[in-house]
Protein backbone atom coordinates (compact mmCIF):
# COMPACT_ATOMS: atom_id res chain seq x y z
CA MET A 1 -121.10 -5.91 -65.01
CA SER A 2 -117.81 -4.19 -65.75
CA GLY A 3 -119.52 -1.64 -67.97
CA PHE A 4 -122.13 -0.88 -65.34
CA ILE A 5 -119.57 -0.33 -62.59
CA GLY A 6 -117.34 1.78 -64.85
CA ALA A 7 -120.28 3.90 -66.02
CA THR A 8 -121.46 4.49 -62.46
CA ILE A 9 -118.04 5.64 -61.32
CA VAL A 10 -117.49 7.92 -64.31
CA ASN A 11 -120.99 9.43 -64.25
CA THR A 12 -120.73 10.24 -60.56
CA PHE A 13 -117.40 12.02 -60.88
CA VAL A 14 -118.17 13.88 -64.10
CA ASP A 15 -121.58 15.07 -62.91
CA GLY A 16 -120.05 16.21 -59.64
CA ALA A 17 -117.25 18.08 -61.38
CA LEU A 18 -119.65 19.81 -63.78
CA GLY A 19 -122.09 20.79 -61.04
CA PHE A 20 -124.98 18.59 -62.10
CA ALA A 21 -124.88 16.45 -58.93
CA PRO A 22 -123.48 16.82 -55.40
CA VAL A 23 -120.16 15.20 -54.55
CA GLU A 24 -120.53 13.08 -51.42
CA ILE A 25 -117.53 11.64 -49.62
CA GLY A 26 -118.56 10.12 -46.33
CA PRO A 27 -120.58 12.62 -44.28
CA ASN A 28 -119.22 15.58 -46.30
CA TRP A 29 -120.81 16.82 -49.46
CA SER A 30 -120.30 19.76 -51.76
CA MET A 31 -122.14 21.17 -54.73
CA SER A 32 -120.35 23.27 -57.30
CA ARG A 33 -122.00 25.73 -59.63
CA PRO A 34 -123.34 24.16 -62.81
CA THR A 35 -121.17 24.79 -65.85
CA LEU A 36 -122.50 26.06 -69.14
CA ILE A 37 -122.30 22.79 -70.98
CA THR A 38 -125.13 20.73 -72.38
CA ARG A 39 -125.78 17.16 -71.42
CA LEU A 40 -125.18 16.15 -75.03
CA GLN A 41 -121.67 17.62 -74.85
CA THR A 42 -120.87 15.67 -71.70
CA LEU A 43 -121.87 12.38 -73.31
CA PRO A 44 -118.74 11.92 -75.50
CA ALA A 45 -116.55 12.90 -72.54
CA LYS A 46 -118.23 10.29 -70.35
CA TRP A 47 -117.88 7.66 -73.06
CA ALA A 48 -114.20 8.41 -73.47
CA MET A 49 -113.60 8.37 -69.72
CA ALA A 50 -115.59 5.16 -69.21
CA THR A 51 -113.38 3.14 -71.55
CA VAL A 52 -110.46 3.06 -69.11
CA PRO A 53 -112.17 1.69 -65.95
CA THR A 54 -114.41 -0.58 -68.00
CA GLY A 55 -111.38 -2.06 -69.77
CA ILE A 56 -109.57 -2.57 -66.47
CA LEU A 57 -112.58 -4.21 -64.83
CA ALA A 58 -113.24 -6.42 -67.85
CA ALA A 59 -109.59 -7.50 -67.95
CA GLY A 60 -109.80 -8.33 -64.25
CA ALA A 61 -112.94 -10.42 -64.78
CA ILE A 62 -111.35 -12.29 -67.69
CA ALA A 63 -108.14 -12.88 -65.72
CA THR A 64 -110.19 -14.26 -62.81
CA ALA A 65 -112.10 -16.61 -65.11
CA VAL A 66 -108.91 -17.86 -66.77
CA GLY A 67 -107.26 -18.30 -63.38
CA LEU A 68 -110.19 -20.35 -62.11
CA LEU A 69 -110.16 -22.53 -65.23
CA ILE A 70 -106.44 -23.16 -64.90
CA TRP A 71 -106.84 -23.91 -61.20
CA ILE A 72 -109.63 -26.40 -61.88
CA ALA A 73 -107.70 -28.02 -64.76
CA PHE A 74 -104.53 -28.46 -62.71
CA GLY A 75 -106.57 -29.64 -59.75
CA THR A 76 -108.26 -32.40 -61.73
CA PHE A 77 -104.94 -33.43 -63.28
CA PHE A 78 -103.21 -33.77 -59.93
CA VAL A 79 -106.18 -35.49 -58.28
CA ARG A 80 -106.19 -38.11 -61.06
CA ARG A 81 -102.45 -38.57 -60.69
CA TYR A 82 -102.76 -38.88 -56.92
CA ASP A 83 -105.63 -41.34 -57.24
CA ARG A 84 -103.70 -43.52 -59.73
CA GLN A 85 -101.12 -44.16 -57.07
CA ALA A 86 -103.90 -45.48 -54.79
CA ARG A 87 -102.87 -43.41 -51.82
CA ASP A 88 -106.41 -42.65 -50.76
CA ARG A 89 -107.78 -46.19 -51.01
CA MET A 90 -108.90 -47.87 -47.84
CA ASP A 91 -107.68 -51.33 -46.89
CA PRO A 92 -110.31 -53.83 -48.13
CA ASP A 93 -110.50 -55.62 -44.77
CA LEU A 94 -111.00 -52.36 -42.92
CA LEU A 95 -113.63 -51.26 -45.43
CA ALA A 96 -115.55 -54.51 -45.02
CA TYR A 97 -115.41 -54.14 -41.23
CA VAL A 98 -116.70 -50.57 -41.34
CA LEU A 99 -119.54 -51.46 -43.69
CA THR A 100 -120.70 -54.46 -41.63
CA LYS A 101 -120.27 -52.99 -38.14
CA ARG A 102 -122.16 -49.74 -38.47
CA HIS A 103 -123.63 -48.61 -35.21
CA VAL A 104 -126.93 -46.86 -35.70
CA HIS A 105 -128.04 -44.79 -32.77
CA PRO A 106 -131.76 -44.11 -32.39
CA VAL A 107 -132.84 -40.51 -32.73
CA ARG A 108 -134.07 -39.10 -29.44
């Protein structure tokens, strides 16, 4: 995904700068004269330019994944610790009352 987004951004800007595609920003667009450069010559430039945004986006995706894993790991640790102290347990008498005195309303 990161490579696709980075390649799309780089291809759009490079093609617009070289005159192979129009540059569109909102309702405005402009088309420059095509330069005398072959498509094969633009390929290494695009590859070189795509490494930066692709690396940034990939690092962001990895950081997000690691952050979620840490968040889940700490969450399970603290939930277990909280549960060990029995703070969320219902009084047995109240639980028995709730389970025996359920009021079921007919569906209308």
